Amino acid sequence: MYRPDPKDKPRDALRKWLHGIAWRLASHYIHSAYVRHAVIHPSPLGLLREPVGIDMHAQIEAREVLDAMASLPPWQVDALLSVDDPESVSAYARRHRMSPHTALSRLRIAREALALKLRRCRR
């Protein structure tokens, strides 16, 4: 129910009204049962009985693969990422206007280049 004071400027009156609405909404949220009963723990994963997630060795290997892929040319990265697409290689080839044999050849070259980069960075 926006009823501004006639003495105030319209812009200032609207600003005060919106500030009041935002203040009431924020205060109601802070005092709600959901927020009031939330308990923040410094390390919630430490409360679990078994380890969760990927181990550190796998994370380091994943970072190495991502770094190696970042150093490849864009067409090789695109060919490598096409393997993860749900579409077939022939659909990928049609979308890029090439023959399926060319798409498979580019995928093979990209895999070899990635394997070479990984061998070099692991030495």
PDB file of N, CA and C in Angstrom:
ATOM      1  N   MET A   1       0.848  -1.168   0.000  1.00  0.00           N
ATOM      2  CA  MET A   1       0.000   0.000   0.000  1.00  0.00           C
ATOM      3  C   MET A   1       0.899   1.238   0.000  1.00  0.00           C
ATOM      4  N   TYR A   2       1.185   1.678  -1.185  1.00  0.00           N
ATOM      5  CA  TYR A   2       2.086   2.813  -1.363  1.00  0.00           C
ATOM      6  C   TYR A   2       1.299   4.107  -1.225  1.00  0.00           C
ATOM      7  N   ARG A   3       1.497   4.755  -0.083  1.00  0.00           N
ATOM      8  CA  ARG A   3       0.864   6.063   0.157  1.00  0.00           C
ATOM      9  C   ARG A   3       1.962   7.033   0.596  1.00  0.00           C
ATOM     10  N   PRO A   4       2.580   7.722  -0.345  1.00  0.00           N
ATOM     11  CA  PRO A   4       3.702   8.591   0.024  1.00  0.00           C
ATOM     12  C   PRO A   4       3.236   9.843   0.762  1.00  0.00           C
ATOM     13  N   ASP A   5       4.154  10.365   1.555  1.00  0.00           N
ATOM     14  CA  ASP A   5       3.897  11.625   2.241  1.00  0.00           C
ATOM     15  C   ASP A   5       3.959  12.739   1.200  1.00  0.00           C
ATOM     16  N   PRO A   6       2.954  13.600   1.120  1.00  0.00           N
ATOM     17  CA  PRO A   6       2.964  14.656   0.090  1.00  0.00           C
ATOM     18  C   PRO A   6       4.129  15.631   0.243  1.00  0.00           C
ATOM     19  N   LYS A   7       4.723  15.704   1.440  1.00  0.00           N
ATOM     20  CA  LYS A   7       5.841  16.629   1.649  1.00  0.00           C
ATOM     21  C   LYS A   7       7.132  16.110   1.015  1.00  0.00           C
ATOM     22  N   ASP A   8       7.274  14.794   0.873  1.00  0.00           N
ATOM     23  CA  ASP A   8       8.501  14.215   0.312  1.00  0.00           C
ATOM     24  C   ASP A   8       8.495  14.281  -1.205  1.00  0.00           C
ATOM     25  N   LYS A   9       9.705  14.265  -1.754  1.00  0.00           N
ATOM     26  CA  LYS A   9       9.828  14.171  -3.214  1.00  0.00           C
ATOM     27  C   LYS A   9       9.376  12.772  -3.622  1.00  0.00           C
ATOM     28  N   PRO A  10       8.767  12.605  -4.791  1.00  0.00           N
ATOM     29  CA  PRO A  10       8.290  11.270  -5.196  1.00  0.00           C
ATOM     30  C   PRO A  10       9.396  10.222  -5.234  1.00  0.00           C
ATOM     31  N   ARG A  11      10.587  10.586  -5.712  1.00  0.00           N
ATOM     32  CA  ARG A  11      11.687   9.623  -5.795  1.00  0.00           C
ATOM     33  C   ARG A  11      12.137   9.187  -4.398  1.00  0.00           C
ATOM     34  N   ASP A  12      12.254  10.133  -3.475  1.00  0.00           N
ATOM     35  CA  ASP A  12      12.660   9.804  -2.109  1.00  0.00           C
ATOM     36  C   ASP A  12      11.593   8.965  -1.413  1.00  0.00           C
ATOM     37  N   ALA A  13      10.333   9.280  -1.664  1.00  0.00           N
ATOM     38  CA  ALA A  13       9.250   8.510  -1.045  1.00  0.00           C
ATOM     39  C   ALA A  13       9.265   7.067  -1.535  1.00  0.00           C
ATOM     40  N   LEU A  14       9.460   6.879  -2.827  1.00  0.00           N
ATOM     41  CA  LEU A  14       9.519   5.519  -3.378  1.00  0.00           C
ATOM     42  C   LEU A  14      10.721   4.766  -2.822  1.00  0.00           C
ATOM     43  N   ARG A  15      11.864   5.447  -2.697  1.00  0.00           N
ATOM     44  CA  ARG A  15      13.064   4.822  -2.144  1.00  0.00           C
ATOM     45  C   ARG A  15      12.833   4.373  -0.701  1.00  0.00           C
ATOM     46  N   LYS A  16      12.195   5.206   0.113  1.00  0.00           N
ATOM     47  CA  LYS A  16      11.899   4.845   1.503  1.00  0.00           C
ATOM     48  C   LYS A  16      10.948   3.655   1.570  1.00  0.00           C
ATOM     49  N   TRP A  17       9.956   3.651   0.685  1.00  0.00           N
ATOM     50  CA  TRP A  17       8.970   2.570   0.682  1.00  0.00           C
ATOM     51  C   TRP A  17       9.634   1.240   0.320  1.00  0.00           C
ATOM     52  N   LEU A  18      10.472   1.239  -0.734  1.00  0.00           N
ATOM     53  CA  LEU A  18      11.173   0.016  -1.142  1.00  0.00           C
ATOM     54  C   LEU A  18      12.173  -0.432  -0.083  1.00  0.00           C
ATOM     55  N   HIS A  19      12.828   0.509   0.580  1.00  0.00           N
ATOM     56  CA  HIS A  19      13.757   0.162   1.662  1.00  0.00           C
ATOM     57  C   HIS A  19      13.006  -0.529   2.793  1.00  0.00           C
ATOM     58  N   GLY A  20      11.816  -0.047   3.119  1.00  0.00           N
ATOM     59  CA  GLY A  20      11.003  -0.669   4.170  1.00  0.00           C
ATOM     60  C   GLY A  20      10.610  -2.091   3.811  1.00  0.00           C
ATOM     61  N   ILE A  21      10.232  -2.305   2.554  1.00  0.00           N
ATOM     62  CA  ILE A  21       9.855  -3.654   2.106  1.00  0.00           C
ATOM     63  C   ILE A  21      11.062  -4.593   2.197  1.00  0.00           C
ATOM     64  N   ALA A  22      12.208  -4.142   1.679  1.00  0.00           N
ATOM     65  CA  ALA A  22      13.411  -4.982   1.704  1.00  0.00           C
ATOM     66  C   ALA A  22      13.828  -5.276   3.148  1.00  0.00           C
ATOM     67  N   TRP A  23      13.724  -4.283   4.035  1.00  0.00           N
ATOM     68  CA  TRP A  23      14.105  -4.477   5.430  1.00  0.00           C
ATOM     69  C   TRP A  23      13.213  -5.516   6.098  1.00  0.00           C
ATOM     70  N   ARG A  24      11.910  -5.440   5.853  1.00  0.00           N
ATOM     71  CA  ARG A  24      10.991  -6.398   6.470  1.00  0.00           C
ATOM     72  C   ARG A  24      11.210  -7.810   5.925  1.00  0.00           C
ATOM     73  N   LEU A  25      11.429  -7.932   4.627  1.00  0.00           N
ATOM     74  CA  LEU A  25      11.669  -9.260   4.055  1.00  0.00           C
ATOM     75  C   LEU A  25      12.958  -9.878   4.605  1.00  0.00           C
ATOM     76  N   ALA A  26      14.007  -9.078   4.690  1.00  0.00           N
ATOM     77  CA  ALA A  26      15.272  -9.595   5.202  1.00  0.00           C
ATOM     78  C   ALA A  26      15.152  -9.978   6.670  1.00  0.00           C
ATOM     79  N   SER A  27      14.472  -9.174   7.461  1.00  0.00           N
ATOM     80  CA  SER A  27      14.354  -9.497   8.883  1.00  0.00           C
ATOM     81  C   SER A  27      13.484 -10.730   9.097  1.00  0.00           C
ATOM     82  N   HIS A  28      12.473 -10.919   8.271  1.00  0.00           N
ATOM     83  CA  HIS A  28      11.636 -12.119   8.400  1.00  0.00           C
ATOM     84  C   HIS A  28      12.421 -13.364   8.000  1.00  0.00           C
ATOM     85  N   TYR A  29      13.292 -13.229   7.009  1.00  0.00           N
ATOM     86  CA  TYR A  29      14.095 -14.377   6.592  1.00  0.00           C
ATOM     87  C   TYR A  29      15.082 -14.768   7.687  1.00  0.00           C
ATOM     88  N   ILE A  30      15.743 -13.785   8.282  1.00  0.00           N
ATOM     89  CA  ILE A  30      16.736 -14.074   9.315  1.00  0.00           C
ATOM     90  C   ILE A  30      16.086 -14.740  10.524  1.00  0.00           C
ATOM     91  N   HIS A  31      14.866 -14.356  10.847  1.00  0.00           N
ATOM     92  CA  HIS A  31      14.201 -14.908  12.021  1.00  0.00           C
ATOM     93  C   HIS A  31      13.370 -16.149  11.708  1.00  0.00           C
ATOM     94  N   SER A  32      13.435 -16.636  10.471  1.00  0.00           N
ATOM     95  CA  SER A  32      12.662 -17.830  10.143  1.00  0.00           C
ATOM     96  C   SER A  32      13.292 -19.061  10.781  1.00  0.00           C
ATOM     97  N   ALA A  33      12.510 -20.106  10.965  1.00  0.00           N
ATOM     98  CA  ALA A  33      12.987 -21.312  11.640  1.00  0.00           C
ATOM     99  C   ALA A  33      14.098 -21.994  10.855  1.00  0.00           C
ATOM    100  N   TYR A  34      14.026 -21.942   9.523  1.00  0.00           N
ATOM    101  CA  TYR A  34      15.034 -22.609   8.708  1.00  0.00           C
ATOM    102  C   TYR A  34      16.417 -22.022   8.980  1.00  0.00           C
ATOM    103  N   VAL A  35      16.513 -20.698   8.975  1.00  0.00           N
ATOM    104  CA  VAL A  35      17.798 -20.037   9.168  1.00  0.00           C
ATOM    105  C   VAL A  35      18.215 -20.098  10.630  1.00  0.00           C
ATOM    106  N   ARG A  36      17.266 -19.961  11.525  1.00  0.00           N
ATOM    107  CA  ARG A  36      17.565 -19.920  12.952  1.00  0.00           C
ATOM    108  C   ARG A  36      18.135 -21.246  13.440  1.00  0.00           C
ATOM    109  N   HIS A  37      17.716 -22.367  12.842  1.00  0.00           N
ATOM    110  CA  HIS A  37      18.152 -23.677  13.297  1.00  0.00           C
ATOM    111  C   HIS A  37      19.324 -24.234  12.492  1.00  0.00           C
ATOM    112  N   ALA A  38      19.805 -23.487  11.514  1.00  0.00           N
ATOM    113  CA  ALA A  38      20.960 -23.948  10.742  1.00  0.00           C
ATOM    114  C   ALA A  38      22.212 -23.787  11.582  1.00  0.00           C
ATOM    115  N   VAL A  39      22.997 -24.864  11.675  1.00  0.00           N
ATOM    116  CA  VAL A  39      24.236 -24.845  12.442  1.00  0.00           C
ATOM    117  C   VAL A  39      25.384 -24.983  11.459  1.00  0.00           C
ATOM    118  N   ILE A  40      26.260 -24.014  11.432  1.00  0.00           N
ATOM    119  CA  ILE A  40      27.382 -24.032  10.503  1.00  0.00           C
ATOM    120  C   ILE A  40      28.558 -24.705  11.197  1.00  0.00           C
ATOM    121  N   HIS A  41      29.122 -25.701  10.522  1.00  0.00           N
ATOM    122  CA  HIS A  41      30.251 -26.448  11.066  1.00  0.00           C
ATOM    123  C   HIS A  41      31.485 -26.118  10.228  1.00  0.00           C
ATOM    124  N   PRO A  42      32.646 -25.974  10.840  1.00  0.00           N
ATOM    125  CA  PRO A  42      33.826 -25.593  10.053  1.00  0.00           C
ATOM    126  C   PRO A  42      34.236 -26.622   9.007  1.00  0.00           C
ATOM    127  N   SER A  43      34.049 -27.913   9.284  1.00  0.00           N
ATOM    128  CA  SER A  43      34.377 -28.939   8.294  1.00  0.00           C
ATOM    129  C   SER A  43      33.282 -30.007   8.316  1.00  0.00           C
ATOM    130  N   PRO A  44      32.196 -29.788   7.575  1.00  0.00           N
ATOM    131  CA  PRO A  44      31.081 -30.733   7.618  1.00  0.00           C
ATOM    132  C   PRO A  44      31.427 -32.104   7.042  1.00  0.00           C
ATOM    133  N   LEU A  45      32.393 -32.168   6.118  1.00  0.00           N
ATOM    134  CA  LEU A  45      32.752 -33.473   5.569  1.00  0.00           C
ATOM    135  C   LEU A  45      33.467 -34.333   6.612  1.00  0.00           C
ATOM    136  N   GLY A  46      34.041 -33.710   7.635  1.00  0.00           N
ATOM    137  CA  GLY A  46      34.684 -34.462   8.697  1.00  0.00           C
ATOM    138  C   GLY A  46      33.697 -35.217   9.567  1.00  0.00           C
ATOM    139  N   LEU A  47      32.431 -34.863   9.499  1.00  0.00           N
ATOM    140  CA  LEU A  47      31.413 -35.545  10.294  1.00  0.00           C
ATOM    141  C   LEU A  47      30.976 -36.864   9.661  1.00  0.00           C
ATOM    142  N   LEU A  48      31.300 -37.064   8.394  1.00  0.00           N
ATOM    143  CA  LEU A  48      30.876 -38.279   7.710  1.00  0.00           C
ATOM    144  C   LEU A  48      31.751 -39.461   8.115  1.00  0.00           C
ATOM    145  N   ARG A  49      31.194 -40.652   8.035  1.00  0.00           N
ATOM    146  CA  ARG A  49      31.911 -41.858   8.466  1.00  0.00           C
ATOM    147  C   ARG A  49      32.926 -42.338   7.444  1.00  0.00           C
ATOM    148  N   GLU A  50      32.673 -42.075   6.174  1.00  0.00           N
ATOM    149  CA  GLU A  50      33.592 -42.536   5.137  1.00  0.00           C
ATOM    150  C   GLU A  50      33.978 -41.355   4.253  1.00  0.00           C
ATOM    151  N   PRO A  51      35.135 -41.430   3.591  1.00  0.00           N
ATOM    152  CA  PRO A  51      35.563 -40.310   2.748  1.00  0.00           C
ATOM    153  C   PRO A  51      34.630 -40.123   1.555  1.00  0.00           C
ATOM    154  N   VAL A  52      34.444 -38.883   1.178  1.00  0.00           N
ATOM    155  CA  VAL A  52      33.536 -38.538   0.086  1.00  0.00           C
ATOM    156  C   VAL A  52      34.333 -37.828  -0.998  1.00  0.00           C
ATOM    157  N   GLY A  53      34.001 -38.102  -2.233  1.00  0.00           N
ATOM    158  CA  GLY A  53      34.604 -37.385  -3.344  1.00  0.00           C
ATOM    159  C   GLY A  53      35.832 -38.081  -3.900  1.00  0.00           C
ATOM    160  N   ILE A  54      36.489 -37.362  -4.783  1.00  0.00           N
ATOM    161  CA  ILE A  54      37.647 -37.879  -5.491  1.00  0.00           C
ATOM    162  C   ILE A  54      38.886 -37.694  -4.612  1.00  0.00           C
ATOM    163  N   ASP A  55      39.774 -38.671  -4.640  1.00  0.00           N
ATOM    164  CA  ASP A  55      40.996 -38.541  -3.858  1.00  0.00           C
ATOM    165  C   ASP A  55      41.942 -37.531  -4.518  1.00  0.00           C
ATOM    166  N   MET A  56      42.942 -37.108  -3.787  1.00  0.00           N
ATOM    167  CA  MET A  56      43.843 -36.051  -4.255  1.00  0.00           C
ATOM    168  C   MET A  56      44.639 -36.464  -5.492  1.00  0.00           C
ATOM    169  N   HIS A  57      45.021 -37.734  -5.569  1.00  0.00           N
ATOM    170  CA  HIS A  57      45.796 -38.203  -6.725  1.00  0.00           C
ATOM    171  C   HIS A  57      44.971 -38.055  -8.011  1.00  0.00           C
ATOM    172  N   ALA A  58      43.698 -38.413  -7.940  1.00  0.00           N
ATOM    173  CA  ALA A  58      42.838 -38.292  -9.117  1.00  0.00           C
ATOM    174  C   ALA A  58      42.620 -36.822  -9.486  1.00  0.00           C
ATOM    175  N   GLN A  59      42.533 -35.940  -8.499  1.00  0.00           N
ATOM    176  CA  GLN A  59      42.382 -34.516  -8.788  1.00  0.00           C
ATOM    177  C   GLN A  59      43.627 -33.959  -9.476  1.00  0.00           C
ATOM    178  N   ILE A  60      44.797 -34.396  -9.041  1.00  0.00           N
ATOM    179  CA  ILE A  60      46.036 -33.927  -9.658  1.00  0.00           C
ATOM    180  C   ILE A  60      46.128 -34.421 -11.097  1.00  0.00           C
ATOM    181  N   GLU A  61      45.749 -35.678 -11.328  1.00  0.00           N
ATOM    182  CA  GLU A  61      45.760 -36.207 -12.698  1.00  0.00           C
ATOM    183  C   GLU A  61      44.772 -35.456 -13.583  1.00  0.00           C
ATOM    184  N   ALA A  62      43.600 -35.134 -13.044  1.00  0.00           N
ATOM    185  CA  ALA A  62      42.603 -34.391 -13.827  1.00  0.00           C
ATOM    186  C   ALA A  62      43.121 -33.008 -14.187  1.00  0.00           C
ATOM    187  N   ARG A  63      43.821 -32.358 -13.259  1.00  0.00           N
ATOM    188  CA  ARG A  63      44.390 -31.043 -13.564  1.00  0.00           C
ATOM    189  C   ARG A  63      45.469 -31.141 -14.638  1.00  0.00           C
ATOM    190  N   GLU A  64      46.273 -32.200 -14.601  1.00  0.00           N
ATOM    191  CA  GLU A  64      47.290 -32.391 -15.633  1.00  0.00           C
ATOM    192  C   GLU A  64      46.638 -32.562 -17.004  1.00  0.00           C
ATOM    193  N   VAL A  65      45.563 -33.335 -17.067  1.00  0.00           N
ATOM    194  CA  VAL A  65      44.877 -33.551 -18.343  1.00  0.00           C
ATOM    195  C   VAL A  65      44.276 -32.246 -18.843  1.00  0.00           C
ATOM    196  N   LEU A  66      43.670 -31.459 -17.951  1.00  0.00           N
ATOM    197  CA  LEU A  66      43.096 -30.177 -18.364  1.00  0.00           C
ATOM    198  C   LEU A  66      44.172 -29.212 -18.851  1.00  0.00           C
ATOM    199  N   ASP A  67      45.312 -29.181 -18.171  1.00  0.00           N
ATOM    200  CA  ASP A  67      46.414 -28.317 -18.623  1.00  0.00           C
ATOM    201  C   ASP A  67      46.925 -28.762 -19.984  1.00  0.00           C
ATOM    202  N   ALA A  68      47.038 -30.071 -20.191  1.00  0.00           N
ATOM    203  CA  ALA A  68      47.502 -30.583 -21.485  1.00  0.00           C
ATOM    204  C   ALA A  68      46.488 -30.261 -22.581  1.00  0.00           C
ATOM    205  N   MET A  69      45.206 -30.384 -22.274  1.00  0.00           N
ATOM    206  CA  MET A  69      44.180 -30.068 -23.282  1.00  0.00           C
ATOM    207  C   MET A  69      44.162 -28.580 -23.608  1.00  0.00           C
ATOM    208  N   ALA A  70      44.463 -27.736 -22.625  1.00  0.00           N
ATOM    209  CA  ALA A  70      44.465 -26.292 -22.871  1.00  0.00           C
ATOM    210  C   ALA A  70      45.585 -25.890 -23.828  1.00  0.00           C
ATOM    211  N   SER A  71      46.640 -26.681 -23.891  1.00  0.00           N
ATOM    212  CA  SER A  71      47.752 -26.347 -24.777  1.00  0.00           C
ATOM    213  C   SER A  71      47.567 -26.895 -26.195  1.00  0.00           C
ATOM    214  N   LEU A  72      46.516 -27.676 -26.440  1.00  0.00           N
ATOM    215  CA  LEU A  72      46.250 -28.218 -27.777  1.00  0.00           C
ATOM    216  C   LEU A  72      45.549 -27.176 -28.640  1.00  0.00           C
ATOM    217  N   PRO A  73      45.649 -27.301 -29.964  1.00  0.00           N
ATOM    218  CA  PRO A  73      44.896 -26.409 -30.851  1.00  0.00           C
ATOM    219  C   PRO A  73      43.388 -26.629 -30.683  1.00  0.00           C
ATOM    220  N   PRO A  74      42.580 -25.620 -30.989  1.00  0.00           N
ATOM    221  CA  PRO A  74      41.130 -25.730 -30.770  1.00  0.00           C
ATOM    222  C   PRO A  74      40.465 -26.888 -31.512  1.00  0.00           C
ATOM    223  N   TRP A  75      40.922 -27.195 -32.725  1.00  0.00           N
ATOM    224  CA  TRP A  75      40.267 -28.277 -33.476  1.00  0.00           C
ATOM    225  C   TRP A  75      40.522 -29.626 -32.806  1.00  0.00           C
ATOM    226  N   GLN A  76      41.684 -29.791 -32.150  1.00  0.00           N
ATOM    227  CA  GLN A  76      41.955 -31.051 -31.456  1.00  0.00           C
ATOM    228  C   GLN A  76      41.126 -31.153 -30.174  1.00  0.00           C
ATOM    229  N   VAL A  77      40.987 -30.032 -29.463  1.00  0.00           N
ATOM    230  CA  VAL A  77      40.148 -30.029 -28.262  1.00  0.00           C
ATOM    231  C   VAL A  77      38.703 -30.345 -28.635  1.00  0.00           C
ATOM    232  N   ASP A  78      38.240 -29.755 -29.737  1.00  0.00           N
ATOM    233  CA  ASP A  78      36.876 -30.011 -30.195  1.00  0.00           C
ATOM    234  C   ASP A  78      36.689 -31.480 -30.554  1.00  0.00           C
ATOM    235  N   ALA A  79      37.681 -32.070 -31.202  1.00  0.00           N
ATOM    236  CA  ALA A  79      37.589 -33.493 -31.558  1.00  0.00           C
ATOM    237  C   ALA A  79      37.574 -34.372 -30.314  1.00  0.00           C
ATOM    238  N   LEU A  80      38.397 -34.027 -29.315  1.00  0.00           N
ATOM    239  CA  LEU A  80      38.412 -34.810 -28.077  1.00  0.00           C
ATOM    240  C   LEU A  80      37.100 -34.678 -27.300  1.00  0.00           C
ATOM    241  N   LEU A  81      36.540 -33.488 -27.291  1.00  0.00           N
ATOM    242  CA  LEU A  81      35.282 -33.279 -26.570  1.00  0.00           C
ATOM    243  C   LEU A  81      34.088 -33.895 -27.297  1.00  0.00           C
ATOM    244  N   SER A  82      34.236 -34.164 -28.578  1.00  0.00           N
ATOM    245  CA  SER A  82      33.135 -34.782 -29.321  1.00  0.00           C
ATOM    246  C   SER A  82      32.869 -36.203 -28.850  1.00  0.00           C
ATOM    247  N   VAL A  83      33.867 -36.844 -28.261  1.00  0.00           N
ATOM    248  CA  VAL A  83      33.698 -38.207 -27.764  1.00  0.00           C
ATOM    249  C   VAL A  83      32.682 -38.233 -26.631  1.00  0.00           C
ATOM    250  N   ASP A  84      32.637 -37.145 -25.847  1.00  0.00           N
ATOM    251  CA  ASP A  84      31.731 -37.081 -24.701  1.00  0.00           C
ATOM    252  C   ASP A  84      30.304 -36.728 -25.113  1.00  0.00           C
ATOM    253  N   ASP A  85      30.107 -36.264 -26.341  1.00  0.00           N
ATOM    254  CA  ASP A  85      28.754 -35.923 -26.809  1.00  0.00           C
ATOM    255  C   ASP A  85      27.920 -37.181 -26.974  1.00  0.00           C
ATOM    256  N   PRO A  86      26.610 -37.073 -26.753  1.00  0.00           N
ATOM    257  CA  PRO A  86      25.764 -38.249 -26.953  1.00  0.00           C
ATOM    258  C   PRO A  86      25.581 -38.615 -28.427  1.00  0.00           C
ATOM    259  N   GLU A  87      25.912 -37.686 -29.322  1.00  0.00           N
ATOM    260  CA  GLU A  87      25.749 -37.982 -30.744  1.00  0.00           C
ATOM    261  C   GLU A  87      26.896 -38.845 -31.246  1.00  0.00           C
ATOM    262  N   SER A  88      26.680 -39.476 -32.369  1.00  0.00           N
ATOM    263  CA  SER A  88      27.681 -40.367 -32.942  1.00  0.00           C
ATOM    264  C   SER A  88      28.756 -39.553 -33.669  1.00  0.00           C
ATOM    265  N   VAL A  89      29.803 -40.249 -34.088  1.00  0.00           N
ATOM    266  CA  VAL A  89      30.881 -39.587 -34.818  1.00  0.00           C
ATOM    267  C   VAL A  89      30.390 -39.107 -36.175  1.00  0.00           C
ATOM    268  N   SER A  90      29.501 -39.877 -36.787  1.00  0.00           N
ATOM    269  CA  SER A  90      28.979 -39.444 -38.096  1.00  0.00           C
ATOM    270  C   SER A  90      28.132 -38.178 -37.947  1.00  0.00           C
ATOM    271  N   ALA A  91      27.379 -38.040 -36.859  1.00  0.00           N
ATOM    272  CA  ALA A  91      26.608 -36.808 -36.633  1.00  0.00           C
ATOM    273  C   ALA A  91      27.552 -35.632 -36.377  1.00  0.00           C
ATOM    274  N   TYR A  92      28.634 -35.880 -35.637  1.00  0.00           N
ATOM    275  CA  TYR A  92      29.649 -34.841 -35.418  1.00  0.00           C
ATOM    276  C   TYR A  92      30.261 -34.418 -36.748  1.00  0.00           C
ATOM    277  N   ALA A  93      30.562 -35.387 -37.606  1.00  0.00           N
ATOM    278  CA  ALA A  93      31.157 -35.086 -38.909  1.00  0.00           C
ATOM    279  C   ALA A  93      30.193 -34.284 -39.781  1.00  0.00           C
ATOM    280  N   ARG A  94      28.913 -34.661 -39.792  1.00  0.00           N
ATOM    281  CA  ARG A  94      27.921 -33.907 -40.571  1.00  0.00           C
ATOM    282  C   ARG A  94      27.801 -32.477 -40.066  1.00  0.00           C
ATOM    283  N   ARG A  95      27.823 -32.300 -38.742  1.00  0.00           N
ATOM    284  CA  ARG A  95      27.683 -30.962 -38.170  1.00  0.00           C
ATOM    285  C   ARG A  95      28.867 -30.081 -38.555  1.00  0.00           C
ATOM    286  N   HIS A  96      30.070 -30.666 -38.706  1.00  0.00           N
ATOM    287  CA  HIS A  96      31.258 -29.904 -39.074  1.00  0.00           C
ATOM    288  C   HIS A  96      31.572 -29.995 -40.557  1.00  0.00           C
ATOM    289  N   ARG A  97      30.649 -30.574 -41.324  1.00  0.00           N
ATOM    290  CA  ARG A  97      30.769 -30.670 -42.786  1.00  0.00           C
ATOM    291  C   ARG A  97      32.066 -31.356 -43.216  1.00  0.00           C
ATOM    292  N   MET A  98      32.261 -32.562 -42.693  1.00  0.00           N
ATOM    293  CA  MET A  98      33.416 -33.374 -43.092  1.00  0.00           C
ATOM    294  C   MET A  98      32.969 -34.828 -43.172  1.00  0.00           C
ATOM    295  N   SER A  99      33.800 -35.649 -43.775  1.00  0.00           N
ATOM    296  CA  SER A  99      33.456 -37.062 -43.863  1.00  0.00           C
ATOM    297  C   SER A  99      33.713 -37.728 -42.507  1.00  0.00           C
ATOM    298  N   PRO A 100      33.021 -38.817 -42.214  1.00  0.00           N
ATOM    299  CA  PRO A 100      33.253 -39.522 -40.944  1.00  0.00           C
ATOM    300  C   PRO A 100      34.685 -40.019 -40.796  1.00  0.00           C
ATOM    301  N   HIS A 101      35.321 -40.374 -41.916  1.00  0.00           N
ATOM    302  CA  HIS A 101      36.710 -40.831 -41.862  1.00  0.00           C
ATOM    303  C   HIS A 101      37.647 -39.695 -41.435  1.00  0.00           C
ATOM    304  N   THR A 102      37.370 -38.481 -41.921  1.00  0.00           N
ATOM    305  CA  THR A 102      38.171 -37.327 -41.516  1.00  0.00           C
ATOM    306  C   THR A 102      37.982 -37.047 -40.032  1.00  0.00           C
ATOM    307  N   ALA A 103      36.740 -37.160 -39.549  1.00  0.00           N
ATOM    308  CA  ALA A 103      36.467 -36.929 -38.132  1.00  0.00           C
ATOM    309  C   ALA A 103      37.209 -37.947 -37.263  1.00  0.00           C
ATOM    310  N   LEU A 104      37.187 -39.204 -37.684  1.00  0.00           N
ATOM    311  CA  LEU A 104      37.906 -40.229 -36.928  1.00  0.00           C
ATOM    312  C   LEU A 104      39.414 -40.015 -36.979  1.00  0.00           C
ATOM    313  N   SER A 105      39.905 -39.557 -38.118  1.00  0.00           N
ATOM    314  CA  SER A 105      41.337 -39.282 -38.248  1.00  0.00           C
ATOM    315  C   SER A 105      41.739 -38.120 -37.339  1.00  0.00           C
ATOM    316  N   ARG A 106      40.918 -37.075 -37.301  1.00  0.00           N
ATOM    317  CA  ARG A 106      41.213 -35.942 -36.415  1.00  0.00           C
ATOM    318  C   ARG A 106      41.163 -36.369 -34.949  1.00  0.00           C
ATOM    319  N   LEU A 107      40.235 -37.243 -34.616  1.00  0.00           N
ATOM    320  CA  LEU A 107      40.141 -37.732 -33.248  1.00  0.00           C
ATOM    321  C   LEU A 107      41.389 -38.534 -32.878  1.00  0.00           C
ATOM    322  N   ARG A 108      41.860 -39.373 -33.802  1.00  0.00           N
ATOM    323  CA  ARG A 108      43.070 -40.160 -33.557  1.00  0.00           C
ATOM    324  C   ARG A 108      44.272 -39.253 -33.376  1.00  0.00           C
ATOM    325  N   ILE A 109      44.410 -38.228 -34.219  1.00  0.00           N
ATOM    326  CA  ILE A 109      45.531 -37.285 -34.112  1.00  0.00           C
ATOM    327  C   ILE A 109      45.465 -36.523 -32.795  1.00  0.00           C
ATOM    328  N   ALA A 110      44.272 -36.125 -32.401  1.00  0.00           N
ATOM    329  CA  ALA A 110      44.105 -35.382 -31.143  1.00  0.00           C
ATOM    330  C   ALA A 110      44.445 -36.260 -29.938  1.00  0.00           C
ATOM    331  N   ARG A 111      44.042 -37.522 -29.995  1.00  0.00           N
ATOM    332  CA  ARG A 111      44.375 -38.440 -28.893  1.00  0.00           C
ATOM    333  C   ARG A 111      45.880 -38.656 -28.788  1.00  0.00           C
ATOM    334  N   GLU A 112      46.524 -38.806 -29.932  1.00  0.00           N
ATOM    335  CA  GLU A 112      47.983 -38.986 -29.923  1.00  0.00           C
ATOM    336  C   GLU A 112      48.681 -37.739 -29.387  1.00  0.00           C
ATOM    337  N   ALA A 113      48.202 -36.555 -29.789  1.00  0.00           N
ATOM    338  CA  ALA A 113      48.816 -35.308 -29.311  1.00  0.00           C
ATOM    339  C   ALA A 113      48.608 -35.150 -27.808  1.00  0.00           C
ATOM    340  N   LEU A 114      47.439 -35.502 -27.312  1.00  0.00           N
ATOM    341  CA  LEU A 114      47.174 -35.421 -25.874  1.00  0.00           C
ATOM    342  C   LEU A 114      48.048 -36.405 -25.101  1.00  0.00           C
ATOM    343  N   ALA A 115      48.187 -37.615 -25.623  1.00  0.00           N
ATOM    344  CA  ALA A 115      49.031 -38.612 -24.958  1.00  0.00           C
ATOM    345  C   ALA A 115      50.485 -38.146 -24.920  1.00  0.00           C
ATOM    346  N   LEU A 116      50.951 -37.528 -26.000  1.00  0.00           N
ATOM    347  CA  LEU A 116      52.316 -37.021 -26.038  1.00  0.00           C
ATOM    348  C   LEU A 116      52.513 -35.904 -25.020  1.00  0.00           C
ATOM    349  N   LYS A 117      51.544 -34.971 -24.935  1.00  0.00           N
ATOM    350  CA  LYS A 117      51.640 -33.875 -23.957  1.00  0.00           C
ATOM    351  C   LYS A 117      51.640 -34.428 -22.536  1.00  0.00           C
ATOM    352  N   LEU A 118      50.815 -35.435 -22.265  1.00  0.00           N
ATOM    353  CA  LEU A 118      50.760 -36.010 -20.919  1.00  0.00           C
ATOM    354  C   LEU A 118      52.060 -36.726 -20.562  1.00  0.00           C
ATOM    355  N   ARG A 119      52.638 -37.420 -21.545  1.00  0.00           N
ATOM    356  CA  ARG A 119      53.923 -38.099 -21.283  1.00  0.00           C
ATOM    357  C   ARG A 119      55.016 -37.085 -20.974  1.00  0.00           C
ATOM    358  N   ARG A 120      55.007 -35.961 -21.706  1.00  0.00           N
ATOM    359  CA  ARG A 120      56.026 -34.929 -21.487  1.00  0.00           C
ATOM    360  C   ARG A 120      55.871 -34.261 -20.128  1.00  0.00           C
ATOM    361  N   CYS A 121      54.624 -34.005 -19.705  1.00  0.00           N
ATOM    362  CA  CYS A 121      54.438 -33.286 -18.443  1.00  0.00           C
ATOM    363  C   CYS A 121      54.634 -34.211 -17.242  1.00  0.00           C
ATOM    364  N   ARG A 122      54.540 -35.514 -17.413  1.00  0.00           N
ATOM    365  CA  ARG A 122      54.713 -36.446 -16.294  1.00  0.00           C
ATOM    366  C   ARG A 122      56.166 -36.860 -16.099  1.00  0.00           C
ATOM    367  N   ARG A 123      57.031 -36.435 -16.995  1.00  0.00           N
ATOM    368  CA  ARG A 123      58.454 -36.789 -16.853  1.00  0.00           C
ATOM    369  C   ARG A 123      59.140 -35.866 -15.907  1.00  0.00           C
TER     370      ARG A 123
END
